[in-house]
Amino acid sequence: MVQVVDYKTRINKDGEEFFVLVIEGDLEMVKSHETGRFYATARRSSISSTFNEEGCKKMIGSQMPGAINKVPCDEYEYAVPESGEIITLDYRYEYQPEEASLEETILQQDGVLV
């Protein structure tokens, strides 16, 4: 399950403004490479939306079935917000909706129960 926790404004290639929903996954415990101690975190990602700003505000707190997965991608540089350190990453986090069960797929056609 993921939850909408915020929204952000983005600009498309044509210079037009649109909004993305910031989503967060479940609590995860991760072991630090430096200290060996565990810390709590949650994966975050954003998804494009067709909502205006008011619609995005209403979505905060909404939950959706699915997960945020770590997906390989071309390397890119990322500035760590807290320290300003530039690091190179080769992955991104992406929302993956829950797949419908075979039974749901068979029973539904174009969103209508048959």
N, C-alpha and C. Protein backbone atom coordinates (compact mmCIF):
# COMPACT_ATOMS: atom_id res chain seq x y z
N MET A 1 0.85 -1.17 0.00
CA MET A 1 0.00 0.00 0.00
C MET A 1 0.90 1.24 0.00
N VAL A 2 0.53 2.24 -0.78
CA VAL A 2 1.25 3.53 -0.78
C VAL A 2 0.26 4.62 -0.40
N GLN A 3 0.81 5.72 0.10
CA GLN A 3 -0.03 6.83 0.52
C GLN A 3 0.48 8.12 -0.11
N VAL A 4 -0.48 8.96 -0.56
CA VAL A 4 -0.13 10.29 -1.08
C VAL A 4 0.22 11.16 0.11
N VAL A 5 1.46 11.71 0.12
CA VAL A 5 1.92 12.50 1.26
C VAL A 5 2.14 13.97 0.91
N ASP A 6 2.19 14.30 -0.38
CA ASP A 6 2.45 15.68 -0.79
C ASP A 6 2.19 15.80 -2.29
N TYR A 7 2.36 16.98 -2.81
CA TYR A 7 2.32 17.20 -4.26
C TYR A 7 3.36 18.26 -4.60
N LYS A 8 3.79 18.28 -5.84
CA LYS A 8 4.80 19.23 -6.31
C LYS A 8 4.40 19.76 -7.68
N THR A 9 4.87 20.95 -7.98
CA THR A 9 4.66 21.55 -9.29
C THR A 9 5.85 21.21 -10.17
N ARG A 10 5.59 20.85 -11.40
CA ARG A 10 6.65 20.56 -12.39
C ARG A 10 6.34 21.36 -13.66
N ILE A 11 7.34 21.49 -14.51
CA ILE A 11 7.19 22.18 -15.80
C ILE A 11 7.53 21.18 -16.90
N ASN A 12 6.62 21.03 -17.88
CA ASN A 12 6.89 20.08 -18.97
C ASN A 12 7.80 20.72 -20.02
N LYS A 13 8.14 19.95 -21.05
CA LYS A 13 9.08 20.44 -22.07
C LYS A 13 8.55 21.63 -22.84
N ASP A 14 7.22 21.86 -22.83
CA ASP A 14 6.63 23.02 -23.51
C ASP A 14 6.49 24.22 -22.58
N GLY A 15 7.03 24.10 -21.36
CA GLY A 15 6.97 25.20 -20.41
C GLY A 15 5.65 25.30 -19.64
N GLU A 16 4.81 24.26 -19.75
CA GLU A 16 3.51 24.28 -19.07
C GLU A 16 3.63 23.62 -17.70
N GLU A 17 2.91 24.19 -16.74
CA GLU A 17 2.92 23.68 -15.38
C GLU A 17 1.97 22.48 -15.23
N PHE A 18 2.40 21.48 -14.46
CA PHE A 18 1.53 20.37 -14.10
C PHE A 18 1.91 19.92 -12.70
N PHE A 19 1.10 19.05 -12.12
CA PHE A 19 1.33 18.62 -10.75
C PHE A 19 1.61 17.13 -10.68
N VAL A 20 2.49 16.77 -9.77
CA VAL A 20 2.76 15.36 -9.48
C VAL A 20 2.36 15.10 -8.03
N LEU A 21 1.91 13.89 -7.77
CA LEU A 21 1.61 13.46 -6.42
C LEU A 21 2.84 12.76 -5.85
N VAL A 22 3.25 13.13 -4.67
CA VAL A 22 4.36 12.47 -3.99
C VAL A 22 3.77 11.34 -3.16
N ILE A 23 4.25 10.12 -3.41
CA ILE A 23 3.73 8.96 -2.71
C ILE A 23 4.83 8.32 -1.88
N GLU A 24 4.40 7.64 -0.82
CA GLU A 24 5.35 7.01 0.10
C GLU A 24 4.90 5.59 0.38
N GLY A 25 5.86 4.66 0.41
CA GLY A 25 5.56 3.26 0.67
C GLY A 25 5.57 2.94 2.15
N ASP A 26 5.54 1.67 2.44
CA ASP A 26 5.51 1.19 3.81
C ASP A 26 6.85 1.40 4.51
N LEU A 27 6.80 1.33 5.83
CA LEU A 27 7.98 1.43 6.67
C LEU A 27 8.96 0.31 6.34
N GLU A 28 10.25 0.65 6.24
CA GLU A 28 11.30 -0.34 6.00
C GLU A 28 12.41 -0.12 7.01
N MET A 29 13.04 -1.19 7.40
CA MET A 29 14.22 -1.09 8.27
C MET A 29 15.44 -1.37 7.41
N VAL A 30 16.41 -0.45 7.42
CA VAL A 30 17.60 -0.55 6.60
C VAL A 30 18.82 -0.51 7.51
N LYS A 31 19.81 -1.34 7.21
CA LYS A 31 21.04 -1.38 8.00
C LYS A 31 22.06 -0.43 7.40
N SER A 32 22.59 0.46 8.22
CA SER A 32 23.60 1.42 7.78
C SER A 32 24.90 0.72 7.44
N HIS A 33 25.51 1.08 6.29
CA HIS A 33 26.81 0.53 5.90
C HIS A 33 27.91 1.07 6.81
N GLU A 34 27.73 2.28 7.32
CA GLU A 34 28.76 2.91 8.14
C GLU A 34 28.74 2.45 9.59
N THR A 35 27.56 2.42 10.20
CA THR A 35 27.47 2.13 11.64
C THR A 35 27.03 0.70 11.94
N GLY A 36 26.40 0.03 10.97
CA GLY A 36 25.88 -1.31 11.20
C GLY A 36 24.57 -1.31 11.97
N ARG A 37 24.07 -0.13 12.30
CA ARG A 37 22.81 -0.02 13.03
C ARG A 37 21.65 0.14 12.05
N PHE A 38 20.46 -0.24 12.50
CA PHE A 38 19.28 -0.13 11.66
C PHE A 38 18.61 1.22 11.83
N TYR A 39 17.98 1.69 10.76
CA TYR A 39 17.17 2.90 10.83
C TYR A 39 15.90 2.70 10.02
N ALA A 40 14.87 3.46 10.40
CA ALA A 40 13.57 3.36 9.73
C ALA A 40 13.52 4.34 8.57
N THR A 41 12.95 3.90 7.46
CA THR A 41 12.80 4.77 6.29
C THR A 41 11.58 4.30 5.50
N ALA A 42 11.25 5.03 4.47
CA ALA A 42 10.17 4.64 3.56
C ALA A 42 10.55 5.14 2.17
N ARG A 43 10.30 4.34 1.17
CA ARG A 43 10.59 4.74 -0.22
C ARG A 43 9.57 5.79 -0.65
N ARG A 44 10.07 6.77 -1.42
CA ARG A 44 9.21 7.83 -1.95
C ARG A 44 9.39 7.90 -3.46
N SER A 45 8.32 8.30 -4.12
CA SER A 45 8.35 8.49 -5.56
C SER A 45 7.29 9.54 -5.90
N SER A 46 7.25 9.92 -7.15
CA SER A 46 6.19 10.84 -7.58
C SER A 46 5.55 10.29 -8.84
N ILE A 47 4.27 10.60 -9.01
CA ILE A 47 3.54 10.18 -10.20
C ILE A 47 2.82 11.39 -10.78
N SER A 48 2.84 11.50 -12.09
CA SER A 48 2.16 12.61 -12.77
C SER A 48 0.67 12.53 -12.52
N SER A 49 0.01 13.68 -12.56
CA SER A 49 -1.44 13.69 -12.36
C SER A 49 -2.09 14.66 -13.34
N THR A 50 -3.40 14.53 -13.46
CA THR A 50 -4.18 15.48 -14.25
C THR A 50 -4.91 16.47 -13.34
N PHE A 51 -4.64 16.38 -12.02
CA PHE A 51 -5.32 17.24 -11.05
C PHE A 51 -4.77 18.65 -11.07
N ASN A 52 -5.63 19.61 -10.73
CA ASN A 52 -5.14 20.96 -10.46
C ASN A 52 -4.64 20.96 -9.02
N GLU A 53 -4.18 22.12 -8.55
CA GLU A 53 -3.60 22.18 -7.20
C GLU A 53 -4.62 21.80 -6.13
N GLU A 54 -5.84 22.27 -6.27
CA GLU A 54 -6.88 21.95 -5.28
C GLU A 54 -7.16 20.44 -5.25
N GLY A 55 -7.19 19.81 -6.42
CA GLY A 55 -7.40 18.37 -6.49
C GLY A 55 -6.26 17.60 -5.82
N CYS A 56 -5.03 18.09 -6.01
CA CYS A 56 -3.87 17.44 -5.38
C CYS A 56 -3.96 17.54 -3.86
N LYS A 57 -4.37 18.70 -3.36
CA LYS A 57 -4.50 18.88 -1.91
C LYS A 57 -5.50 17.87 -1.34
N LYS A 58 -6.59 17.63 -2.07
CA LYS A 58 -7.61 16.68 -1.62
C LYS A 58 -7.09 15.24 -1.60
N MET A 59 -6.11 14.94 -2.42
CA MET A 59 -5.58 13.58 -2.53
C MET A 59 -4.64 13.22 -1.38
N ILE A 60 -4.08 14.22 -0.69
CA ILE A 60 -3.15 13.94 0.40
C ILE A 60 -3.85 13.09 1.45
N GLY A 61 -3.20 12.00 1.83
CA GLY A 61 -3.78 11.05 2.78
C GLY A 61 -4.42 9.85 2.11
N SER A 62 -4.71 9.95 0.80
CA SER A 62 -5.31 8.83 0.07
C SER A 62 -4.32 7.67 -0.01
N GLN A 63 -4.84 6.47 0.03
CA GLN A 63 -4.02 5.28 -0.11
C GLN A 63 -4.38 4.54 -1.39
N MET A 64 -3.38 3.90 -1.99
CA MET A 64 -3.58 3.13 -3.21
C MET A 64 -2.88 1.78 -3.06
N PRO A 65 -3.46 0.72 -3.61
CA PRO A 65 -2.77 -0.57 -3.57
C PRO A 65 -1.55 -0.53 -4.49
N GLY A 66 -0.49 -1.14 -4.05
CA GLY A 66 0.73 -1.18 -4.84
C GLY A 66 1.94 -0.96 -3.97
N ALA A 67 3.10 -0.78 -4.62
CA ALA A 67 4.36 -0.62 -3.90
C ALA A 67 5.27 0.31 -4.70
N ILE A 68 6.32 0.77 -4.05
CA ILE A 68 7.34 1.57 -4.71
C ILE A 68 8.57 0.68 -4.83
N ASN A 69 8.96 0.39 -6.06
CA ASN A 69 10.06 -0.52 -6.34
C ASN A 69 11.31 0.22 -6.80
N LYS A 70 12.46 -0.37 -6.49
CA LYS A 70 13.75 0.15 -6.95
C LYS A 70 13.98 -0.40 -8.36
N VAL A 71 14.16 0.50 -9.35
CA VAL A 71 14.27 0.12 -10.75
C VAL A 71 15.61 0.62 -11.31
N PRO A 72 16.39 -0.26 -11.98
CA PRO A 72 17.65 0.19 -12.57
C PRO A 72 17.40 1.22 -13.69
N CYS A 73 18.34 2.15 -13.85
CA CYS A 73 18.26 3.14 -14.92
C CYS A 73 19.67 3.60 -15.27
N ASP A 74 19.79 4.47 -16.28
CA ASP A 74 21.08 5.03 -16.64
C ASP A 74 21.61 5.85 -15.46
N GLU A 75 22.92 5.88 -15.30
CA GLU A 75 23.53 6.64 -14.21
C GLU A 75 23.21 8.13 -14.33
N TYR A 76 23.03 8.77 -13.18
CA TYR A 76 22.81 10.22 -13.13
C TYR A 76 23.36 10.74 -11.81
N GLU A 77 23.65 12.04 -11.78
CA GLU A 77 24.15 12.65 -10.56
C GLU A 77 23.00 13.20 -9.74
N TYR A 78 23.13 13.09 -8.42
CA TYR A 78 22.10 13.52 -7.50
C TYR A 78 22.76 14.29 -6.36
N ALA A 79 22.19 15.44 -6.03
CA ALA A 79 22.70 16.24 -4.92
C ALA A 79 21.89 15.88 -3.67
N VAL A 80 22.56 15.38 -2.65
CA VAL A 80 21.90 15.03 -1.39
C VAL A 80 21.44 16.33 -0.72
N PRO A 81 20.12 16.49 -0.52
CA PRO A 81 19.59 17.76 0.00
C PRO A 81 20.21 18.21 1.33
N GLU A 82 20.43 17.26 2.24
CA GLU A 82 20.93 17.61 3.57
C GLU A 82 22.38 18.10 3.56
N SER A 83 23.21 17.52 2.68
CA SER A 83 24.64 17.83 2.71
C SER A 83 25.15 18.54 1.47
N GLY A 84 24.39 18.47 0.37
CA GLY A 84 24.87 19.04 -0.88
C GLY A 84 25.84 18.14 -1.61
N GLU A 85 26.20 17.01 -1.01
CA GLU A 85 27.12 16.06 -1.63
C GLU A 85 26.53 15.55 -2.94
N ILE A 86 27.37 15.47 -3.98
CA ILE A 86 26.95 14.95 -5.29
C ILE A 86 27.32 13.47 -5.35
N ILE A 87 26.31 12.64 -5.61
CA ILE A 87 26.55 11.21 -5.73
C ILE A 87 26.01 10.73 -7.07
N THR A 88 26.49 9.59 -7.52
CA THR A 88 26.04 9.00 -8.77
C THR A 88 25.14 7.81 -8.44
N LEU A 89 23.96 7.81 -9.02
CA LEU A 89 23.00 6.72 -8.80
C LEU A 89 22.70 6.02 -10.11
N ASP A 90 22.32 4.75 -10.03
CA ASP A 90 21.95 3.99 -11.23
C ASP A 90 20.60 3.30 -11.03
N TYR A 91 19.76 3.90 -10.18
CA TYR A 91 18.42 3.38 -9.94
C TYR A 91 17.49 4.54 -9.64
N ARG A 92 16.20 4.25 -9.71
CA ARG A 92 15.17 5.22 -9.31
C ARG A 92 14.06 4.42 -8.66
N TYR A 93 13.17 5.11 -7.97
CA TYR A 93 12.03 4.45 -7.35
C TYR A 93 10.80 4.71 -8.19
N GLU A 94 10.02 3.67 -8.44
CA GLU A 94 8.87 3.75 -9.34
C GLU A 94 7.66 3.06 -8.72
N TYR A 95 6.50 3.69 -8.86
CA TYR A 95 5.25 3.11 -8.35
C TYR A 95 4.85 1.93 -9.22
N GLN A 96 4.49 0.83 -8.57
CA GLN A 96 3.99 -0.35 -9.27
C GLN A 96 2.64 -0.71 -8.66
N PRO A 97 1.54 -0.49 -9.42
CA PRO A 97 0.23 -0.85 -8.87
C PRO A 97 0.11 -2.35 -8.66
N GLU A 98 -0.77 -2.74 -7.74
CA GLU A 98 -1.04 -4.16 -7.55
C GLU A 98 -1.70 -4.69 -8.81
N GLU A 99 -1.24 -5.85 -9.25
CA GLU A 99 -1.85 -6.44 -10.43
C GLU A 99 -3.16 -7.10 -10.04
N ALA A 100 -4.13 -7.00 -10.93
CA ALA A 100 -5.42 -7.63 -10.68
C ALA A 100 -5.24 -9.15 -10.68
N SER A 101 -6.00 -9.81 -9.85
CA SER A 101 -5.94 -11.27 -9.83
C SER A 101 -6.53 -11.80 -11.14
N LEU A 102 -6.23 -13.02 -11.47
CA LEU A 102 -6.76 -13.64 -12.67
C LEU A 102 -8.28 -13.62 -12.64
N GLU A 103 -8.84 -13.89 -11.47
CA GLU A 103 -10.30 -13.88 -11.33
C GLU A 103 -10.88 -12.51 -11.64
N GLU A 104 -10.26 -11.44 -11.13
CA GLU A 104 -10.74 -10.08 -11.39
C GLU A 104 -10.64 -9.75 -12.88
N THR A 105 -9.55 -10.20 -13.50
CA THR A 105 -9.35 -9.92 -14.92
C THR A 105 -10.43 -10.62 -15.76
N ILE A 106 -10.75 -11.86 -15.41
CA ILE A 106 -11.74 -12.61 -16.16
C ILE A 106 -13.13 -12.03 -15.96
N LEU A 107 -13.45 -11.64 -14.72
CA LEU A 107 -14.79 -11.15 -14.41
C LEU A 107 -15.05 -9.73 -14.88
N GLN A 108 -14.00 -8.96 -15.16
CA GLN A 108 -14.21 -7.58 -15.55
C GLN A 108 -13.78 -7.37 -17.00
N GLN A 109 -14.59 -6.61 -17.69
CA GLN A 109 -14.25 -6.26 -19.06
C GLN A 109 -14.61 -4.80 -19.22
N ASP A 110 -13.64 -3.96 -19.55
CA ASP A 110 -13.83 -2.51 -19.67
C ASP A 110 -14.43 -1.91 -18.40
N GLY A 111 -13.99 -2.42 -17.25
CA GLY A 111 -14.46 -1.87 -15.99
C GLY A 111 -15.85 -2.30 -15.57
N VAL A 112 -16.45 -3.22 -16.32
CA VAL A 112 -17.82 -3.68 -16.04
C VAL A 112 -17.76 -5.14 -15.64
N LEU A 113 -18.42 -5.47 -14.57
CA LEU A 113 -18.50 -6.85 -14.14
C LEU A 113 -19.37 -7.63 -15.11
N VAL A 114 -18.85 -8.75 -15.68
CA VAL A 114 -19.62 -9.53 -16.65
C VAL A 114 -20.07 -10.85 -16.07
